[in-house]
PDB file of N, CA and C in Angstrom:
ATOM      1  N   MET A   1     150.639 130.221  64.934  1.00  0.00           N
ATOM      2  CA  MET A   1     149.826 129.784  66.145  1.00  0.00           C
ATOM      3  C   MET A   1     149.940 128.460  66.699  1.00  0.00           C
ATOM      4  N   ARG A   2     150.035 127.570  65.704  1.00  0.00           N
ATOM      5  CA  ARG A   2     150.003 126.069  65.919  1.00  0.00           C
ATOM      6  C   ARG A   2     151.350 125.765  66.587  1.00  0.00           C
ATOM      7  N   LYS A   3     152.607 126.331  65.961  1.00  0.00           N
ATOM      8  CA  LYS A   3     153.814 126.173  66.741  1.00  0.00           C
ATOM      9  C   LYS A   3     154.001 126.711  68.132  1.00  0.00           C
ATOM     10  N   GLY A   4     153.174 127.761  68.295  1.00  0.00           N
ATOM     11  CA  GLY A   4     153.214 128.193  69.713  1.00  0.00           C
ATOM     12  C   GLY A   4     152.476 127.405  70.690  1.00  0.00           C
ATOM     13  N   PHE A   5     151.306 126.774  70.220  1.00  0.00           N
ATOM     14  CA  PHE A   5     150.572 125.865  71.057  1.00  0.00           C
ATOM     15  C   PHE A   5     151.371 124.633  71.296  1.00  0.00           C
ATOM     16  N   ILE A   6     152.103 123.982  70.127  1.00  0.00           N
ATOM     17  CA  ILE A   6     152.954 122.819  70.566  1.00  0.00           C
ATOM     18  C   ILE A   6     154.110 123.090  71.641  1.00  0.00           C
ATOM     19  N   PHE A   7     154.774 124.423  71.362  1.00  0.00           N
ATOM     20  CA  PHE A   7     155.529 124.578  72.241  1.00  0.00           C
ATOM     21  C   PHE A   7     155.127 124.729  73.716  1.00  0.00           C
ATOM     22  N   VAL A   8     154.072 125.334  73.934  1.00  0.00           N
ATOM     23  CA  VAL A   8     153.239 125.425  75.387  1.00  0.00           C
ATOM     24  C   VAL A   8     152.971 124.060  76.005  1.00  0.00           C
ATOM     25  N   ILE A   9     152.688 123.132  75.135  1.00  0.00           N
ATOM     26  CA  ILE A   9     152.413 121.750  75.488  1.00  0.00           C
ATOM     27  C   ILE A   9     153.591 121.093  75.836  1.00  0.00           C
ATOM     28  N   LEU A  10     154.671 121.120  74.999  1.00  0.00           N
ATOM     29  CA  LEU A  10     155.901 120.618  75.297  1.00  0.00           C
ATOM     30  C   LEU A  10     156.667 121.282  76.664  1.00  0.00           C
ATOM     31  N   LEU A  11     156.461 122.187  76.682  1.00  0.00           N
ATOM     32  CA  LEU A  11     157.053 123.064  77.971  1.00  0.00           C
ATOM     33  C   LEU A  11     156.347 122.554  79.181  1.00  0.00           C
ATOM     34  N   PHE A  12     154.955 122.309  79.111  1.00  0.00           N
ATOM     35  CA  PHE A  12     154.366 121.748  80.113  1.00  0.00           C
ATOM     36  C   PHE A  12     154.685 120.477  80.719  1.00  0.00           C
ATOM     37  N   LEU A  13     154.852 119.617  79.628  1.00  0.00           N
ATOM     38  CA  LEU A  13     155.256 118.203  79.726  1.00  0.00           C
ATOM     39  C   LEU A  13     156.652 118.228  80.354  1.00  0.00           C
ATOM     40  N   VAL A  14     157.603 118.952  79.912  1.00  0.00           N
ATOM     41  CA  VAL A  14     158.800 119.017  80.310  1.00  0.00           C
ATOM     42  C   VAL A  14     158.849 119.473  81.812  1.00  0.00           C
ATOM     43  N   LEU A  15     158.250 120.568  81.972  1.00  0.00           N
ATOM     44  CA  LEU A  15     158.303 121.019  83.384  1.00  0.00           C
ATOM     45  C   LEU A  15     157.714 120.175  84.579  1.00  0.00           C
ATOM     46  N   SER A  16     156.504 119.541  83.965  1.00  0.00           N
ATOM     47  CA  SER A  16     155.638 118.694  84.888  1.00  0.00           C
ATOM     48  C   SER A  16     156.578 117.505  85.567  1.00  0.00           C
ATOM     49  N   GLY A  17     157.522 117.293  84.634  1.00  0.00           N
ATOM     50  CA  GLY A  17     158.485 116.122  85.174  1.00  0.00           C
ATOM     51  C   GLY A  17     159.663 116.549  85.996  1.00  0.00           C
ATOM     52  N   CYS A  18     159.913 117.844  86.085  1.00  0.00           N
ATOM     53  CA  CYS A  18     160.934 118.280  86.725  1.00  0.00           C
ATOM     54  C   CYS A  18     160.908 118.417  88.357  1.00  0.00           C
ATOM     55  N   ALA A  19     159.804 118.610  88.743  1.00  0.00           N
ATOM     56  CA  ALA A  19     159.542 118.579  90.090  1.00  0.00           C
ATOM     57  C   ALA A  19     158.712 117.779  90.738  1.00  0.00           C
ATOM     58  N   THR A  20     159.172 117.029  91.951  1.00  0.00           N
ATOM     59  CA  THR A  20     158.305 116.036  92.535  1.00  0.00           C
ATOM     60  C   THR A  20     157.562 116.858  93.387  1.00  0.00           C
ATOM     61  N   ASN A  21     156.092 116.663  93.573  1.00  0.00           N
ATOM     62  CA  ASN A  21     155.343 117.311  94.252  1.00  0.00           C
ATOM     63  C   ASN A  21     155.288 116.516  95.733  1.00  0.00           C
ATOM     64  N   VAL A  22     156.020 117.111  96.620  1.00  0.00           N
ATOM     65  CA  VAL A  22     156.141 116.438  97.862  1.00  0.00           C
ATOM     66  C   VAL A  22     155.015 117.118  98.785  1.00  0.00           C
ATOM     67  N   LYS A  23     154.223 116.198  99.330  1.00  0.00           N
ATOM     68  CA  LYS A  23     153.041 116.539 100.276  1.00  0.00           C
ATOM     69  C   LYS A  23     153.261 115.808 101.632  1.00  0.00           C
ATOM     70  N   TYR A  24     153.264 116.553 102.693  1.00  0.00           N
ATOM     71  CA  TYR A  24     153.240 116.143 103.962  1.00  0.00           C
ATOM     72  C   TYR A  24     152.615 117.049 104.874  1.00  0.00           C
ATOM     73  N   THR A  25     152.211 116.746 105.978  1.00  0.00           N
ATOM     74  CA  THR A  25     151.433 117.556 106.984  1.00  0.00           C
ATOM     75  C   THR A  25     152.500 117.926 108.039  1.00  0.00           C
ATOM     76  N   LEU A  26     152.520 119.010 108.730  1.00  0.00           N
ATOM     77  CA  LEU A  26     153.383 119.196 109.922  1.00  0.00           C
ATOM     78  C   LEU A  26     153.148 118.111 110.933  1.00  0.00           C
ATOM     79  N   GLU A  27     151.920 117.504 110.905  1.00  0.00           N
ATOM     80  CA  GLU A  27     151.630 116.499 112.009  1.00  0.00           C
ATOM     81  C   GLU A  27     152.389 115.333 111.733  1.00  0.00           C
ATOM     82  N   GLU A  28     152.766 114.910 110.268  1.00  0.00           N
ATOM     83  CA  GLU A  28     153.507 113.738 109.968  1.00  0.00           C
ATOM     84  C   GLU A  28     154.946 113.899 110.401  1.00  0.00           C
ATOM     85  N   ILE A  29     155.406 115.192 110.284  1.00  0.00           N
ATOM     86  CA  ILE A  29     157.025 115.160 110.633  1.00  0.00           C
ATOM     87  C   ILE A  29     157.290 115.758 112.014  1.00  0.00           C
ATOM     88  N   LYS A  30     156.295 116.048 112.859  1.00  0.00           N
ATOM     89  CA  LYS A  30     156.505 116.705 114.095  1.00  0.00           C
ATOM     90  C   LYS A  30     157.319 115.859 115.150  1.00  0.00           C
ATOM     91  N   ASP A  31     157.360 114.605 114.962  1.00  0.00           N
ATOM     92  CA  ASP A  31     158.148 113.807 116.007  1.00  0.00           C
ATOM     93  C   ASP A  31     159.662 113.720 115.443  1.00  0.00           C
ATOM     94  N   TYR A  32     159.945 114.145 114.398  1.00  0.00           N
ATOM     95  CA  TYR A  32     161.363 114.146 113.944  1.00  0.00           C
ATOM     96  C   TYR A  32     162.291 115.197 114.547  1.00  0.00           C
ATOM     97  N   PRO A  33     163.314 114.989 114.931  1.00  0.00           N
ATOM     98  CA  PRO A  33     164.068 116.105 115.511  1.00  0.00           C
ATOM     99  C   PRO A  33     164.187 117.342 114.644  1.00  0.00           C
ATOM    100  N   GLU A  34     164.366 118.371 115.330  1.00  0.00           N
ATOM    101  CA  GLU A  34     164.202 119.668 114.665  1.00  0.00           C
ATOM    102  C   GLU A  34     165.121 119.813 113.510  1.00  0.00           C
ATOM    103  N   PRO A  35     166.262 119.436 113.332  1.00  0.00           N
ATOM    104  CA  PRO A  35     167.255 119.519 112.192  1.00  0.00           C
ATOM    105  C   PRO A  35     166.605 118.715 110.955  1.00  0.00           C
ATOM    106  N   ILE A  36     166.059 117.595 111.402  1.00  0.00           N
ATOM    107  CA  ILE A  36     165.349 116.921 110.256  1.00  0.00           C
ATOM    108  C   ILE A  36     164.080 117.710 109.769  1.00  0.00           C
ATOM    109  N   GLN A  37     163.265 118.233 110.538  1.00  0.00           N
ATOM    110  CA  GLN A  37     162.043 118.902 110.104  1.00  0.00           C
ATOM    111  C   GLN A  37     162.573 120.047 109.306  1.00  0.00           C
ATOM    112  N   LYS A  38     163.605 120.808 109.673  1.00  0.00           N
ATOM    113  CA  LYS A  38     163.963 121.808 109.001  1.00  0.00           C
ATOM    114  C   LYS A  38     164.398 121.417 107.498  1.00  0.00           C
ATOM    115  N   SER A  39     165.180 120.368 107.522  1.00  0.00           N
ATOM    116  CA  SER A  39     165.757 119.929 106.212  1.00  0.00           C
ATOM    117  C   SER A  39     164.597 119.449 105.288  1.00  0.00           C
ATOM    118  N   ILE A  40     163.521 119.069 105.957  1.00  0.00           N
ATOM    119  CA  ILE A  40     162.403 118.505 105.045  1.00  0.00           C
ATOM    120  C   ILE A  40     161.768 119.640 104.538  1.00  0.00           C
ATOM    121  N   LYS A  41     161.583 120.660 105.372  1.00  0.00           N
ATOM    122  CA  LYS A  41     160.767 121.835 104.888  1.00  0.00           C
ATOM    123  C   LYS A  41     161.545 122.500 103.771  1.00  0.00           C
ATOM    124  N   LYS A  42     162.900 122.607 103.795  1.00  0.00           N
ATOM    125  CA  LYS A  42     163.840 123.144 102.707  1.00  0.00           C
ATOM    126  C   LYS A  42     164.137 122.341 101.751  1.00  0.00           C
ATOM    127  N   GLY A  43     163.572 121.125 101.527  1.00  0.00           N
ATOM    128  CA  GLY A  43     163.850 120.059 100.578  1.00  0.00           C
ATOM    129  C   GLY A  43     165.316 119.794 100.510  1.00  0.00           C
ATOM    130  N   GLU A  44     165.803 119.634 101.533  1.00  0.00           N
ATOM    131  CA  GLU A  44     167.248 118.992 101.758  1.00  0.00           C
ATOM    132  C   GLU A  44     167.320 117.750 102.281  1.00  0.00           C
ATOM    133  N   VAL A  45     168.430 116.824 102.168  1.00  0.00           N
ATOM    134  CA  VAL A  45     168.756 115.705 102.758  1.00  0.00           C
ATOM    135  C   VAL A  45     169.872 115.842 103.705  1.00  0.00           C
ATOM    136  N   LEU A  46     169.994 114.934 104.794  1.00  0.00           N
ATOM    137  CA  LEU A  46     171.078 114.873 105.632  1.00  0.00           C
ATOM    138  C   LEU A  46     171.399 113.522 105.841  1.00  0.00           C
ATOM    139  N   ILE A  47     172.761 113.438 106.103  1.00  0.00           N
ATOM    140  CA  ILE A  47     173.223 112.043 106.452  1.00  0.00           C
ATOM    141  C   ILE A  47     172.430 111.473 107.695  1.00  0.00           C
ATOM    142  N   GLY A  48     172.027 110.337 107.737  1.00  0.00           N
ATOM    143  CA  GLY A  48     171.359 109.641 108.839  1.00  0.00           C
ATOM    144  C   GLY A  48     169.729 109.739 108.817  1.00  0.00           C
ATOM    145  N   MET A  49     169.282 110.425 107.709  1.00  0.00           N
ATOM    146  CA  MET A  49     167.914 110.450 107.569  1.00  0.00           C
ATOM    147  C   MET A  49     167.409 108.920 107.146  1.00  0.00           C
ATOM    148  N   THR A  50     166.221 108.727 107.496  1.00  0.00           N
ATOM    149  CA  THR A  50     165.437 107.269 107.030  1.00  0.00           C
ATOM    150  C   THR A  50     164.931 107.635 105.538  1.00  0.00           C
ATOM    151  N   PRO A  51     164.697 106.601 105.165  1.00  0.00           N
ATOM    152  CA  PRO A  51     164.036 106.689 103.648  1.00  0.00           C
ATOM    153  C   PRO A  51     162.769 107.368 103.697  1.00  0.00           C
ATOM    154  N   ALA A  52     161.879 107.338 104.734  1.00  0.00           N
ATOM    155  CA  ALA A  52     160.653 108.069 104.793  1.00  0.00           C
ATOM    156  C   ALA A  52     160.914 109.458 104.987  1.00  0.00           C
ATOM    157  N   GLN A  53     162.000 109.903 105.833  1.00  0.00           N
ATOM    158  CA  GLN A  53     162.415 111.242 105.800  1.00  0.00           C
ATOM    159  C   GLN A  53     162.771 111.961 104.330  1.00  0.00           C
ATOM    160  N   VAL A  54     163.640 111.117 103.670  1.00  0.00           N
ATOM    161  CA  VAL A  54     164.183 111.651 102.457  1.00  0.00           C
ATOM    162  C   VAL A  54     162.891 111.527 101.607  1.00  0.00           C
ATOM    163  N   ARG A  55     161.928 110.751 101.611  1.00  0.00           N
ATOM    164  CA  ARG A  55     160.800 110.732 100.641  1.00  0.00           C
ATOM    165  C   ARG A  55     160.113 112.272 101.051  1.00  0.00           C
ATOM    166  N   TYR A  56     159.977 112.602 102.244  1.00  0.00           N
ATOM    167  CA  TYR A  56     159.197 113.834 102.623  1.00  0.00           C
ATOM    168  C   TYR A  56     159.958 115.054 101.842  1.00  0.00           C
ATOM    169  N   SER A  57     161.272 114.964 101.950  1.00  0.00           N
ATOM    170  CA  SER A  57     162.017 116.041 101.469  1.00  0.00           C
ATOM    171  C   SER A  57     162.102 116.132  99.984  1.00  0.00           C
ATOM    172  N   TRP A  58     162.370 114.846  99.266  1.00  0.00           N
ATOM    173  CA  TRP A  58     162.553 115.053  97.836  1.00  0.00           C
ATOM    174  C   TRP A  58     161.632 114.317  97.074  1.00  0.00           C
ATOM    175  N   GLY A  59     160.569 113.529  97.569  1.00  0.00           N
ATOM    176  CA  GLY A  59     159.725 112.905  96.975  1.00  0.00           C
ATOM    177  C   GLY A  59     160.241 111.517  96.629  1.00  0.00           C
ATOM    178  N   SER A  60     159.615 110.801  95.975  1.00  0.00           N
ATOM    179  CA  SER A  60     159.969 109.056  95.646  1.00  0.00           C
ATOM    180  C   SER A  60     161.114 109.311  94.663  1.00  0.00           C
ATOM    181  N   PRO A  61     162.001 108.404  94.730  1.00  0.00           N
ATOM    182  CA  PRO A  61     163.119 108.259  93.703  1.00  0.00           C
ATOM    183  C   PRO A  61     162.694 107.670  92.302  1.00  0.00           C
ATOM    184  N   ASP A  62     163.386 107.938  91.386  1.00  0.00           N
ATOM    185  CA  ASP A  62     163.021 107.407  90.080  1.00  0.00           C
ATOM    186  C   ASP A  62     163.446 105.806  89.950  1.00  0.00           C
ATOM    187  N   LYS A  63     164.434 105.421  90.603  1.00  0.00           N
ATOM    188  CA  LYS A  63     164.955 103.983  90.705  1.00  0.00           C
ATOM    189  C   LYS A  63     165.349 103.725  92.009  1.00  0.00           C
ATOM    190  N   VAL A  64     164.998 102.387  92.509  1.00  0.00           N
ATOM    191  CA  VAL A  64     165.585 101.851  93.771  1.00  0.00           C
ATOM    192  C   VAL A  64     166.118 100.597  93.440  1.00  0.00           C
ATOM    193  N   SER A  65     167.202 100.375  94.073  1.00  0.00           N
ATOM    194  CA  SER A  65     167.992  98.895  94.087  1.00  0.00           C
ATOM    195  C   SER A  65     168.208  98.501  95.557  1.00  0.00           C
ATOM    196  N   THR A  66     167.942  97.386  95.755  1.00  0.00           N
ATOM    197  CA  THR A  66     168.262  96.820  97.201  1.00  0.00           C
ATOM    198  C   THR A  66     169.191  95.679  97.004  1.00  0.00           C
ATOM    199  N   SER A  67     169.849  95.427  98.240  1.00  0.00           N
ATOM    200  CA  SER A  67     170.607  94.307  98.291  1.00  0.00           C
ATOM    201  C   SER A  67     170.919  93.919  99.735  1.00  0.00           C
ATOM    202  N   TYR A  68     171.518  92.697  99.990  1.00  0.00           N
ATOM    203  CA  TYR A  68     171.911  92.428 101.420  1.00  0.00           C
ATOM    204  C   TYR A  68     173.344  91.957 101.398  1.00  0.00           C
ATOM    205  N   GLU A  69     174.160  92.673 102.082  1.00  0.00           N
ATOM    206  CA  GLU A  69     175.610  92.384 101.840  1.00  0.00           C
ATOM    207  C   GLU A  69     176.269  92.407 103.496  1.00  0.00           C
ATOM    208  N   GLY A  70     176.762  91.314 103.939  1.00  0.00           N
ATOM    209  CA  GLY A  70     177.434  91.333 105.201  1.00  0.00           C
ATOM    210  C   GLY A  70     176.351  91.490 106.122  1.00  0.00           C
ATOM    211  N   GLY A  71     175.166  90.965 106.046  1.00  0.00           N
ATOM    212  CA  GLY A  71     174.092  90.974 106.888  1.00  0.00           C
ATOM    213  C   GLY A  71     173.513  92.318 106.979  1.00  0.00           C
ATOM    214  N   LYS A  72     173.638  93.227 106.290  1.00  0.00           N
ATOM    215  CA  LYS A  72     173.215  94.571 106.129  1.00  0.00           C
ATOM    216  C   LYS A  72     172.381  94.801 104.830  1.00  0.00           C
ATOM    217  N   HIS A  73     171.035  95.545 105.196  1.00  0.00           N
ATOM    218  CA  HIS A  73     170.286  95.863 104.206  1.00  0.00           C
ATOM    219  C   HIS A  73     170.591  97.028 103.582  1.00  0.00           C
ATOM    220  N   LYS A  74     170.924  97.146 102.177  1.00  0.00           N
ATOM    221  CA  LYS A  74     171.387  98.318 101.382  1.00  0.00           C
ATOM    222  C   LYS A  74     170.615  98.556 100.301  1.00  0.00           C
ATOM    223  N   GLU A  75     170.244  99.940 100.191  1.00  0.00           N
ATOM    224  CA  GLU A  75     169.489 100.373  99.205  1.00  0.00           C
ATOM    225  C   GLU A  75     170.359 101.628  98.427  1.00  0.00           C
ATOM    226  N   LEU A  76     170.117 101.731  97.053  1.00  0.00           N
ATOM    227  CA  LEU A  76     170.481 102.799  96.222  1.00  0.00           C
ATOM    228  C   LEU A  76     169.327 103.413  95.721  1.00  0.00           C
ATOM    229  N   TRP A  77     169.173 104.881  95.891  1.00  0.00           N
ATOM    230  CA  TRP A  77     168.099 105.506  95.436  1.00  0.00           C
ATOM    231  C   TRP A  77     168.603 106.328  94.220  1.00  0.00           C
ATOM    232  N   ILE A  78     167.996 106.440  93.247  1.00  0.00           N
ATOM    233  CA  ILE A  78     168.456 107.303  92.124  1.00  0.00           C
ATOM    234  C   ILE A  78     167.499 108.269  91.673  1.00  0.00           C
ATOM    235  N   TYR A  79     167.685 109.608  91.816  1.00  0.00           N
ATOM    236  CA  TYR A  79     166.767 110.579  91.258  1.00  0.00           C
ATOM    237  C   TYR A  79     167.520 111.296  90.047  1.00  0.00           C
ATOM    238  N   THR A  80     166.888 111.020  88.961  1.00  0.00           N
ATOM    239  CA  THR A  80     167.540 111.355  87.618  1.00  0.00           C
ATOM    240  C   THR A  80     167.155 112.951  87.546  1.00  0.00           C
ATOM    241  N   SER A  81     168.124 113.432  86.703  1.00  0.00           N
ATOM    242  CA  SER A  81     168.257 114.882  86.459  1.00  0.00           C
ATOM    243  C   SER A  81     167.105 115.529  85.541  1.00  0.00           C
ATOM    244  N   PHE A  82     167.242 116.436  85.213  1.00  0.00           N
ATOM    245  CA  PHE A  82     166.256 117.266  84.124  1.00  0.00           C
ATOM    246  C   PHE A  82     166.606 117.014  82.763  1.00  0.00           C
ATOM    247  N   LEU A  83     165.504 116.292  82.151  1.00  0.00           N
ATOM    248  CA  LEU A  83     165.697 115.682  80.931  1.00  0.00           C
ATOM    249  C   LEU A  83     166.752 114.635  80.632  1.00  0.00           C
ATOM    250  N   GLY A  84     167.429 114.212  81.718  1.00  0.00           N
ATOM    251  CA  GLY A  84     168.284 113.243  81.682  1.00  0.00           C
ATOM    252  C   GLY A  84     169.683 113.676  81.104  1.00  0.00           C
ATOM    253  N   LEU A  85     169.864 115.063  81.335  1.00  0.00           N
ATOM    254  CA  LEU A  85     171.267 115.671  80.834  1.00  0.00           C
ATOM    255  C   LEU A  85     172.458 115.353  81.869  1.00  0.00           C
ATOM    256  N   SER A  86     172.074 114.746  82.984  1.00  0.00           N
ATOM    257  CA  SER A  86     173.293 114.284  83.668  1.00  0.00           C
ATOM    258  C   SER A  86     172.697 113.077  84.229  1.00  0.00           C
ATOM    259  N   LYS A  87     173.506 112.177  84.928  1.00  0.00           N
ATOM    260  CA  LYS A  87     173.353 110.946  85.537  1.00  0.00           C
ATOM    261  C   LYS A  87     172.423 110.956  86.580  1.00  0.00           C
ATOM    262  N   GLY A  88     172.387 112.095  87.393  1.00  0.00           N
ATOM    263  CA  GLY A  88     171.439 112.410  88.375  1.00  0.00           C
ATOM    264  C   GLY A  88     171.950 112.261  89.873  1.00  0.00           C
ATOM    265  N   THR A  89     171.322 112.182  90.805  1.00  0.00           N
ATOM    266  CA  THR A  89     171.735 112.014  92.134  1.00  0.00           C
ATOM    267  C   THR A  89     171.515 110.723  92.736  1.00  0.00           C
ATOM    268  N   TYR A  90     172.541 110.337  93.432  1.00  0.00           N
ATOM    269  CA  TYR A  90     172.534 108.708  93.992  1.00  0.00           C
ATOM    270  C   TYR A  90     172.532 108.923  95.471  1.00  0.00           C
ATOM    271  N   LEU A  91     171.474 108.244  96.407  1.00  0.00           N
ATOM    272  CA  LEU A  91     171.630 108.093  97.530  1.00  0.00           C
ATOM    273  C   LEU A  91     171.691 106.690  98.004  1.00  0.00           C
ATOM    274  N   PHE A  92     172.757 106.430  99.060  1.00  0.00           N
ATOM    275  CA  PHE A  92     173.080 104.991  99.464  1.00  0.00           C
ATOM    276  C   PHE A  92     172.570 105.045 101.107  1.00  0.00           C
ATOM    277  N   PHE A  93     171.680 104.122 101.240  1.00  0.00           N
ATOM    278  CA  PHE A  93     171.157 103.611 102.494  1.00  0.00           C
ATOM    279  C   PHE A  93     171.825 102.454 103.184  1.00  0.00           C
ATOM    280  N   GLU A  94     171.888 102.372 104.213  1.00  0.00           N
ATOM    281  CA  GLU A  94     172.480 101.073 105.015  1.00  0.00           C
ATOM    282  C   GLU A  94     171.666 100.973 106.221  1.00  0.00           C
ATOM    283  N   ASP A  95     170.930  99.837 106.205  1.00  0.00           N
ATOM    284  CA  ASP A  95     169.978  99.482 107.497  1.00  0.00           C
ATOM    285  C   ASP A  95     169.140 100.707 107.825  1.00  0.00           C
ATOM    286  N   GLY A  96     168.451 101.155 106.617  1.00  0.00           N
ATOM    287  CA  GLY A  96     167.525 102.255 106.972  1.00  0.00           C
ATOM    288  C   GLY A  96     167.897 103.601 107.254  1.00  0.00           C
ATOM    289  N   LYS A  97     169.199 103.887 107.103  1.00  0.00           N
ATOM    290  CA  LYS A  97     169.779 105.231 107.353  1.00  0.00           C
ATOM    291  C   LYS A  97     170.739 105.628 106.023  1.00  0.00           C
ATOM    292  N   LEU A  98     170.415 107.122 105.843  1.00  0.00           N
ATOM    293  CA  LEU A  98     171.232 107.563 104.670  1.00  0.00           C
ATOM    294  C   LEU A  98     172.651 107.718 105.028  1.00  0.00           C
ATOM    295  N   ILE A  99     173.612 107.082 104.370  1.00  0.00           N
ATOM    296  CA  ILE A  99     174.929 107.103 104.707  1.00  0.00           C
ATOM    297  C   ILE A  99     175.909 107.957 103.739  1.00  0.00           C
ATOM    298  N   PHE A 100     175.360 108.097 102.648  1.00  0.00           N
ATOM    299  CA  PHE A 100     176.211 108.924 101.742  1.00  0.00           C
ATOM    300  C   PHE A 100     175.272 109.304 100.409  1.00  0.00           C
ATOM    301  N   TRP A 101     175.549 110.437  99.814  1.00  0.00           N
ATOM    302  CA  TRP A 101     174.999 110.793  98.683  1.00  0.00           C
ATOM    303  C   TRP A 101     175.731 111.659  97.789  1.00  0.00           C
ATOM    304  N   THR A 102     175.421 111.542  96.376  1.00  0.00           N
ATOM    305  CA  THR A 102     176.423 112.116  95.605  1.00  0.00           C
ATOM    306  C   THR A 102     175.598 112.442  94.311  1.00  0.00           C
ATOM    307  N   LYS A 103     176.102 113.494  93.320  1.00  0.00           N
ATOM    308  CA  LYS A 103     175.535 113.879  92.246  1.00  0.00           C
ATOM    309  C   LYS A 103     176.520 113.467  91.218  1.00  0.00           C
ATOM    310  N   LEU A 104     176.072 112.952  90.054  1.00  0.00           N
ATOM    311  CA  LEU A 104     177.103 112.462  89.019  1.00  0.00           C
ATOM    312  C   LEU A 104     176.792 113.302  87.902  1.00  0.00           C
TER     313      LEU A 104
END
């Protein structure tokens, strides 16, 4: 009985860290272009999205690094994977637009 209870608690803790609970209203995204709205609703990201749009779609990243190079503001967002089993997903922004993303 005790082992089963501990298993349920551990499972709850693991699963609660797996998904970011993204909350937005249709009013908040209504002024975005239709392809952006559709991507947000599906939980997808598109090249050219702003950080706010990516946050609506995927939630807040686990880590953010910023820099200024060549007069451009750059950000690296990192979403870690389930239980840290891989290195996660990296999103690269330049001057407020997503320019590239990759899974490692």
